[in-house]
Amino acid sequence: MKIEQKILIVDDESDFRIPLAKIFSRRGLAVDTADSCSQALAKMAAGPFDVIVMDVSMPELNGIHCLMLIKQEWPDSEIIILTGHASVDSGIEGMKGGAFDYCLKPIDTNELLEKIELACEKVRITRDEKI
């Protein structure tokens, strides 16, 4: 039995978040979105997601802080950090905080999809090891 991987896109910019979710849905991924850290945490509590794609720069709580909150509560979920302005430092900070990987904005959709697939594979392996 194949378990469908659930993806959550967290970004406060709807002009980025919504089209990205549509692209991933057309590629067969089960995608949901959140526009803030608090909304992401509420959606995680309702039914954890396997992979979270999260922007670093958000108004309420930044993506690094949100990453740490998610990893404390749902350590098996993998997080890919999105960072703009060619800020590799934020990506590295995210990796130190437990992120699976990071992508620079503007993103290359195919590159991000590859990273999501790798993160999903890691989640599958972790899940299988626990059975």
N, C-alpha and C. Protein backbone atom coordinates (compact mmCIF):
# COMPACT_ATOMS: atom_id res chain seq x y z
N MET A 1 0.84 -1.18 0.00
CA MET A 1 0.00 0.00 0.00
C MET A 1 0.88 1.25 0.00
N LYS A 2 0.63 2.13 -0.93
CA LYS A 2 1.41 3.36 -1.03
C LYS A 2 0.76 4.45 -0.17
N ILE A 3 1.58 5.09 0.66
CA ILE A 3 1.10 6.18 1.49
C ILE A 3 1.43 7.49 0.77
N GLU A 4 0.40 8.32 0.57
CA GLU A 4 0.60 9.58 -0.12
C GLU A 4 1.31 10.57 0.80
N GLN A 5 2.34 11.21 0.29
CA GLN A 5 3.08 12.20 1.06
C GLN A 5 2.32 13.51 1.06
N LYS A 6 2.26 14.14 2.22
CA LYS A 6 1.55 15.41 2.36
C LYS A 6 2.57 16.55 2.46
N ILE A 7 2.34 17.59 1.65
CA ILE A 7 3.25 18.73 1.56
C ILE A 7 2.50 19.99 2.04
N LEU A 8 3.19 20.80 2.85
CA LEU A 8 2.64 22.07 3.30
C LEU A 8 3.55 23.20 2.84
N ILE A 9 2.99 24.17 2.14
CA ILE A 9 3.74 25.35 1.70
C ILE A 9 3.37 26.51 2.61
N VAL A 10 4.38 27.09 3.27
CA VAL A 10 4.16 28.18 4.22
C VAL A 10 4.88 29.42 3.71
N ASP A 11 4.09 30.42 3.32
CA ASP A 11 4.64 31.68 2.81
C ASP A 11 3.57 32.75 2.96
N ASP A 12 3.95 33.92 3.43
CA ASP A 12 2.95 34.98 3.63
C ASP A 12 2.56 35.67 2.33
N GLU A 13 3.28 35.41 1.25
CA GLU A 13 2.97 36.02 -0.05
C GLU A 13 2.07 35.09 -0.86
N SER A 14 0.78 35.44 -0.96
CA SER A 14 -0.16 34.58 -1.69
C SER A 14 0.19 34.49 -3.18
N ASP A 15 0.81 35.54 -3.74
CA ASP A 15 1.21 35.52 -5.15
C ASP A 15 2.30 34.48 -5.42
N PHE A 16 2.97 34.03 -4.38
CA PHE A 16 3.98 32.99 -4.51
C PHE A 16 3.40 31.64 -4.08
N ARG A 17 2.75 31.61 -2.93
CA ARG A 17 2.27 30.38 -2.31
C ARG A 17 1.23 29.65 -3.16
N ILE A 18 0.23 30.37 -3.64
CA ILE A 18 -0.88 29.73 -4.35
C ILE A 18 -0.46 29.14 -5.70
N PRO A 19 0.26 29.89 -6.55
CA PRO A 19 0.71 29.27 -7.81
C PRO A 19 1.64 28.07 -7.59
N LEU A 20 2.49 28.15 -6.57
CA LEU A 20 3.39 27.03 -6.29
C LEU A 20 2.59 25.80 -5.88
N ALA A 21 1.58 25.99 -5.06
CA ALA A 21 0.72 24.87 -4.66
C ALA A 21 0.02 24.26 -5.87
N LYS A 22 -0.44 25.09 -6.80
CA LYS A 22 -1.10 24.58 -8.01
C LYS A 22 -0.13 23.76 -8.86
N ILE A 23 1.08 24.25 -9.01
CA ILE A 23 2.10 23.51 -9.79
C ILE A 23 2.34 22.14 -9.18
N PHE A 24 2.51 22.11 -7.85
CA PHE A 24 2.80 20.83 -7.18
C PHE A 24 1.60 19.90 -7.21
N SER A 25 0.39 20.45 -7.10
CA SER A 25 -0.82 19.62 -7.18
C SER A 25 -0.93 18.97 -8.55
N ARG A 26 -0.63 19.74 -9.61
CA ARG A 26 -0.67 19.19 -10.97
C ARG A 26 0.36 18.08 -11.16
N ARG A 27 1.41 18.11 -10.34
CA ARG A 27 2.44 17.06 -10.41
C ARG A 27 2.09 15.86 -9.53
N GLY A 28 0.89 15.87 -8.94
CA GLY A 28 0.43 14.72 -8.18
C GLY A 28 0.71 14.75 -6.69
N LEU A 29 1.19 15.87 -6.17
CA LEU A 29 1.46 15.96 -4.74
C LEU A 29 0.20 16.40 -3.99
N ALA A 30 0.03 15.90 -2.77
CA ALA A 30 -1.05 16.34 -1.90
C ALA A 30 -0.56 17.59 -1.17
N VAL A 31 -1.05 18.75 -1.58
CA VAL A 31 -0.51 20.03 -1.10
C VAL A 31 -1.56 20.83 -0.36
N ASP A 32 -1.13 21.46 0.72
CA ASP A 32 -1.94 22.44 1.43
C ASP A 32 -1.05 23.66 1.65
N THR A 33 -1.64 24.76 2.05
CA THR A 33 -0.87 25.99 2.24
C THR A 33 -1.20 26.64 3.58
N ALA A 34 -0.27 27.47 4.03
CA ALA A 34 -0.46 28.28 5.22
C ALA A 34 0.22 29.62 4.97
N ASP A 35 -0.36 30.69 5.53
CA ASP A 35 0.22 32.02 5.29
C ASP A 35 1.00 32.55 6.47
N SER A 36 1.15 31.74 7.53
CA SER A 36 1.90 32.18 8.71
C SER A 36 2.37 30.96 9.50
N CYS A 37 3.25 31.22 10.43
CA CYS A 37 3.73 30.14 11.30
C CYS A 37 2.58 29.59 12.14
N SER A 38 1.76 30.46 12.70
CA SER A 38 0.67 29.97 13.56
C SER A 38 -0.32 29.11 12.76
N GLN A 39 -0.60 29.49 11.52
CA GLN A 39 -1.48 28.69 10.69
C GLN A 39 -0.81 27.35 10.35
N ALA A 40 0.49 27.38 10.09
CA ALA A 40 1.22 26.14 9.80
C ALA A 40 1.18 25.20 11.01
N LEU A 41 1.38 25.73 12.20
CA LEU A 41 1.35 24.90 13.41
C LEU A 41 -0.04 24.30 13.63
N ALA A 42 -1.09 25.08 13.36
CA ALA A 42 -2.46 24.58 13.50
C ALA A 42 -2.72 23.44 12.50
N LYS A 43 -2.24 23.61 11.28
CA LYS A 43 -2.44 22.56 10.26
C LYS A 43 -1.62 21.32 10.60
N MET A 44 -0.43 21.52 11.15
CA MET A 44 0.39 20.37 11.57
C MET A 44 -0.32 19.60 12.69
N ALA A 45 -0.91 20.32 13.63
CA ALA A 45 -1.60 19.68 14.75
C ALA A 45 -2.82 18.88 14.28
N ALA A 46 -3.46 19.35 13.23
CA ALA A 46 -4.64 18.67 12.69
C ALA A 46 -4.28 17.38 11.97
N GLY A 47 -3.09 17.27 11.51
CA GLY A 47 -2.64 16.08 10.79
C GLY A 47 -1.31 16.38 10.17
N PRO A 48 -0.23 15.94 10.79
CA PRO A 48 1.11 16.36 10.37
C PRO A 48 1.37 16.15 8.88
N PHE A 49 2.20 17.02 8.37
CA PHE A 49 2.64 16.95 6.98
C PHE A 49 4.02 16.31 6.96
N ASP A 50 4.32 15.64 5.85
CA ASP A 50 5.62 14.98 5.71
C ASP A 50 6.71 15.98 5.40
N VAL A 51 6.42 16.91 4.48
CA VAL A 51 7.41 17.90 4.05
C VAL A 51 6.77 19.28 4.11
N ILE A 52 7.49 20.21 4.71
CA ILE A 52 7.05 21.59 4.80
C ILE A 52 8.04 22.45 4.02
N VAL A 53 7.52 23.24 3.09
CA VAL A 53 8.33 24.19 2.32
C VAL A 53 7.99 25.55 2.90
N MET A 54 8.97 26.20 3.55
CA MET A 54 8.68 27.38 4.34
C MET A 54 9.63 28.54 4.05
N ASP A 55 9.01 29.71 3.85
CA ASP A 55 9.77 30.94 3.66
C ASP A 55 10.40 31.35 4.98
N VAL A 56 11.59 31.90 4.93
CA VAL A 56 12.27 32.40 6.13
C VAL A 56 11.63 33.71 6.59
N SER A 57 11.32 34.57 5.65
CA SER A 57 10.84 35.91 5.98
C SER A 57 9.32 35.95 6.05
N MET A 58 8.82 35.92 7.28
CA MET A 58 7.38 36.03 7.51
C MET A 58 7.17 37.01 8.66
N PRO A 59 6.05 37.73 8.67
CA PRO A 59 5.87 38.80 9.63
C PRO A 59 5.77 38.38 11.10
N GLU A 60 4.97 37.40 11.41
CA GLU A 60 4.67 37.04 12.79
C GLU A 60 5.87 36.36 13.47
N LEU A 61 6.21 35.20 13.02
CA LEU A 61 7.39 34.47 13.47
C LEU A 61 8.16 34.09 12.21
N ASN A 62 9.46 34.30 12.23
CA ASN A 62 10.20 33.97 11.01
C ASN A 62 10.28 32.45 10.83
N GLY A 63 10.65 32.05 9.63
CA GLY A 63 10.69 30.64 9.28
C GLY A 63 11.65 29.82 10.09
N ILE A 64 12.76 30.41 10.55
CA ILE A 64 13.74 29.67 11.35
C ILE A 64 13.12 29.31 12.70
N HIS A 65 12.46 30.27 13.33
CA HIS A 65 11.81 30.01 14.62
C HIS A 65 10.69 28.98 14.45
N CYS A 66 9.92 29.11 13.39
CA CYS A 66 8.83 28.17 13.11
C CYS A 66 9.39 26.77 12.85
N LEU A 67 10.49 26.70 12.12
CA LEU A 67 11.17 25.42 11.86
C LEU A 67 11.48 24.72 13.18
N MET A 68 12.03 25.46 14.13
CA MET A 68 12.41 24.86 15.41
C MET A 68 11.18 24.36 16.19
N LEU A 69 10.10 25.12 16.13
CA LEU A 69 8.86 24.70 16.80
C LEU A 69 8.32 23.41 16.17
N ILE A 70 8.34 23.36 14.85
CA ILE A 70 7.84 22.16 14.15
C ILE A 70 8.72 20.96 14.46
N LYS A 71 10.03 21.13 14.42
CA LYS A 71 10.94 20.01 14.66
C LYS A 71 10.84 19.48 16.09
N GLN A 72 10.51 20.36 17.06
CA GLN A 72 10.32 19.90 18.44
C GLN A 72 9.11 18.97 18.54
N GLU A 73 8.02 19.37 17.90
CA GLU A 73 6.77 18.63 18.02
C GLU A 73 6.65 17.47 17.03
N TRP A 74 7.17 17.66 15.82
CA TRP A 74 7.07 16.65 14.75
C TRP A 74 8.45 16.41 14.14
N PRO A 75 9.33 15.74 14.86
CA PRO A 75 10.72 15.59 14.41
C PRO A 75 10.89 14.81 13.11
N ASP A 76 9.90 13.99 12.75
CA ASP A 76 10.02 13.20 11.52
C ASP A 76 9.63 13.96 10.26
N SER A 77 9.00 15.12 10.42
CA SER A 77 8.67 15.95 9.26
C SER A 77 9.94 16.63 8.77
N GLU A 78 10.06 16.77 7.46
CA GLU A 78 11.23 17.43 6.89
C GLU A 78 10.84 18.82 6.40
N ILE A 79 11.75 19.76 6.55
CA ILE A 79 11.47 21.15 6.20
C ILE A 79 12.51 21.65 5.20
N ILE A 80 12.00 22.27 4.14
CA ILE A 80 12.86 22.93 3.15
C ILE A 80 12.62 24.42 3.30
N ILE A 81 13.68 25.14 3.59
CA ILE A 81 13.61 26.58 3.82
C ILE A 81 13.77 27.32 2.48
N LEU A 82 12.94 28.34 2.30
CA LEU A 82 13.06 29.23 1.13
C LEU A 82 13.59 30.56 1.64
N THR A 83 14.62 31.05 1.01
CA THR A 83 15.19 32.32 1.42
C THR A 83 15.42 33.21 0.20
N GLY A 84 15.08 34.46 0.34
CA GLY A 84 15.22 35.39 -0.77
C GLY A 84 16.50 36.20 -0.70
N HIS A 85 16.65 37.05 -1.67
CA HIS A 85 17.78 37.98 -1.72
C HIS A 85 19.12 37.28 -1.67
N ALA A 86 19.18 36.09 -2.23
CA ALA A 86 20.42 35.31 -2.28
C ALA A 86 21.08 35.22 -0.91
N SER A 87 20.26 35.06 0.13
CA SER A 87 20.76 34.99 1.50
C SER A 87 21.06 33.56 1.89
N VAL A 88 22.25 33.13 1.56
CA VAL A 88 22.68 31.78 1.89
C VAL A 88 22.77 31.62 3.40
N ASP A 89 23.08 32.71 4.13
CA ASP A 89 23.20 32.65 5.59
C ASP A 89 21.92 32.12 6.24
N SER A 90 20.76 32.57 5.77
CA SER A 90 19.49 32.08 6.32
C SER A 90 19.31 30.60 6.04
N GLY A 91 19.70 30.17 4.86
CA GLY A 91 19.62 28.75 4.53
C GLY A 91 20.50 27.91 5.42
N ILE A 92 21.70 28.39 5.67
CA ILE A 92 22.63 27.67 6.54
C ILE A 92 22.10 27.64 7.98
N GLU A 93 21.55 28.76 8.43
CA GLU A 93 20.96 28.82 9.77
C GLU A 93 19.82 27.81 9.88
N GLY A 94 19.01 27.71 8.83
CA GLY A 94 17.93 26.74 8.82
C GLY A 94 18.43 25.30 8.88
N MET A 95 19.50 25.03 8.15
CA MET A 95 20.09 23.68 8.15
C MET A 95 20.59 23.34 9.56
N LYS A 96 21.20 24.30 10.22
CA LYS A 96 21.67 24.08 11.59
C LYS A 96 20.50 23.84 12.53
N GLY A 97 19.35 24.43 12.22
CA GLY A 97 18.16 24.26 13.05
C GLY A 97 17.38 22.99 12.75
N GLY A 98 17.84 22.22 11.79
CA GLY A 98 17.18 20.94 11.49
C GLY A 98 16.49 20.86 10.15
N ALA A 99 16.63 21.89 9.30
CA ALA A 99 16.02 21.84 7.97
C ALA A 99 16.67 20.75 7.13
N PHE A 100 15.89 20.17 6.25
CA PHE A 100 16.40 19.16 5.33
C PHE A 100 17.30 19.80 4.28
N ASP A 101 16.87 20.97 3.78
CA ASP A 101 17.61 21.67 2.73
C ASP A 101 17.05 23.08 2.61
N TYR A 102 17.60 23.85 1.68
CA TYR A 102 17.07 25.18 1.42
C TYR A 102 17.17 25.50 -0.06
N CYS A 103 16.35 26.45 -0.49
CA CYS A 103 16.36 26.95 -1.87
C CYS A 103 16.35 28.47 -1.82
N LEU A 104 17.02 29.07 -2.78
CA LEU A 104 17.02 30.52 -2.89
C LEU A 104 15.87 30.97 -3.77
N LYS A 105 15.24 32.08 -3.37
CA LYS A 105 14.21 32.71 -4.21
C LYS A 105 14.90 33.69 -5.14
N PRO A 106 14.47 33.88 -6.33
CA PRO A 106 13.39 33.14 -6.98
C PRO A 106 13.78 31.68 -7.18
N ILE A 107 12.81 30.81 -6.97
CA ILE A 107 13.11 29.38 -7.00
C ILE A 107 13.04 28.80 -8.40
N ASP A 108 13.77 27.73 -8.56
CA ASP A 108 13.66 26.88 -9.74
C ASP A 108 12.72 25.75 -9.33
N THR A 109 11.52 25.72 -9.90
CA THR A 109 10.50 24.77 -9.48
C THR A 109 10.99 23.33 -9.59
N ASN A 110 11.71 22.99 -10.65
CA ASN A 110 12.21 21.63 -10.79
C ASN A 110 13.21 21.28 -9.70
N GLU A 111 14.07 22.23 -9.35
CA GLU A 111 15.04 22.00 -8.28
C GLU A 111 14.31 21.76 -6.95
N LEU A 112 13.30 22.59 -6.68
CA LEU A 112 12.54 22.43 -5.45
C LEU A 112 11.80 21.10 -5.44
N LEU A 113 11.23 20.70 -6.56
CA LEU A 113 10.55 19.40 -6.64
C LEU A 113 11.51 18.25 -6.35
N GLU A 114 12.73 18.34 -6.86
CA GLU A 114 13.73 17.30 -6.59
C GLU A 114 14.03 17.23 -5.10
N LYS A 115 14.15 18.39 -4.45
CA LYS A 115 14.43 18.41 -3.01
C LYS A 115 13.24 17.86 -2.23
N ILE A 116 12.02 18.16 -2.67
CA ILE A 116 10.83 17.61 -2.01
C ILE A 116 10.81 16.10 -2.15
N GLU A 117 11.13 15.58 -3.33
CA GLU A 117 11.16 14.13 -3.54
C GLU A 117 12.18 13.46 -2.63
N LEU A 118 13.35 14.07 -2.49
CA LEU A 118 14.38 13.52 -1.60
C LEU A 118 13.92 13.56 -0.15
N ALA A 119 13.29 14.66 0.25
CA ALA A 119 12.78 14.77 1.62
C ALA A 119 11.68 13.74 1.87
N CYS A 120 10.80 13.54 0.88
CA CYS A 120 9.75 12.52 1.00
C CYS A 120 10.35 11.13 1.15
N GLU A 121 11.40 10.86 0.42
CA GLU A 121 12.08 9.56 0.52
C GLU A 121 12.65 9.37 1.91
N LYS A 122 13.24 10.41 2.47
CA LYS A 122 13.79 10.32 3.83
C LYS A 122 12.66 10.06 4.83
N VAL A 123 11.53 10.71 4.67
CA VAL A 123 10.38 10.49 5.56
C VAL A 123 9.91 9.05 5.44
N ARG A 124 9.83 8.52 4.21
CA ARG A 124 9.40 7.13 3.99
C ARG A 124 10.34 6.15 4.69
N ILE A 125 11.64 6.39 4.54
CA ILE A 125 12.63 5.50 5.16
C ILE A 125 12.50 5.54 6.69
N THR A 126 12.37 6.74 7.24
CA THR A 126 12.21 6.88 8.69
C THR A 126 10.94 6.18 9.16
N ARG A 127 9.85 6.34 8.42
CA ARG A 127 8.57 5.70 8.78
C ARG A 127 8.72 4.18 8.73
N ASP A 128 9.38 3.66 7.69
CA ASP A 128 9.55 2.21 7.55
C ASP A 128 10.42 1.64 8.68
N GLU A 129 11.42 2.41 9.10
CA GLU A 129 12.30 1.94 10.18
C GLU A 129 11.56 1.82 11.50
N LYS A 130 10.51 2.62 11.68
CA LYS A 130 9.77 2.61 12.93
C LYS A 130 8.71 1.52 12.98
N ILE A 131 8.46 0.90 11.83
CA ILE A 131 7.41 -0.16 11.78
C ILE A 131 7.98 -1.46 12.29
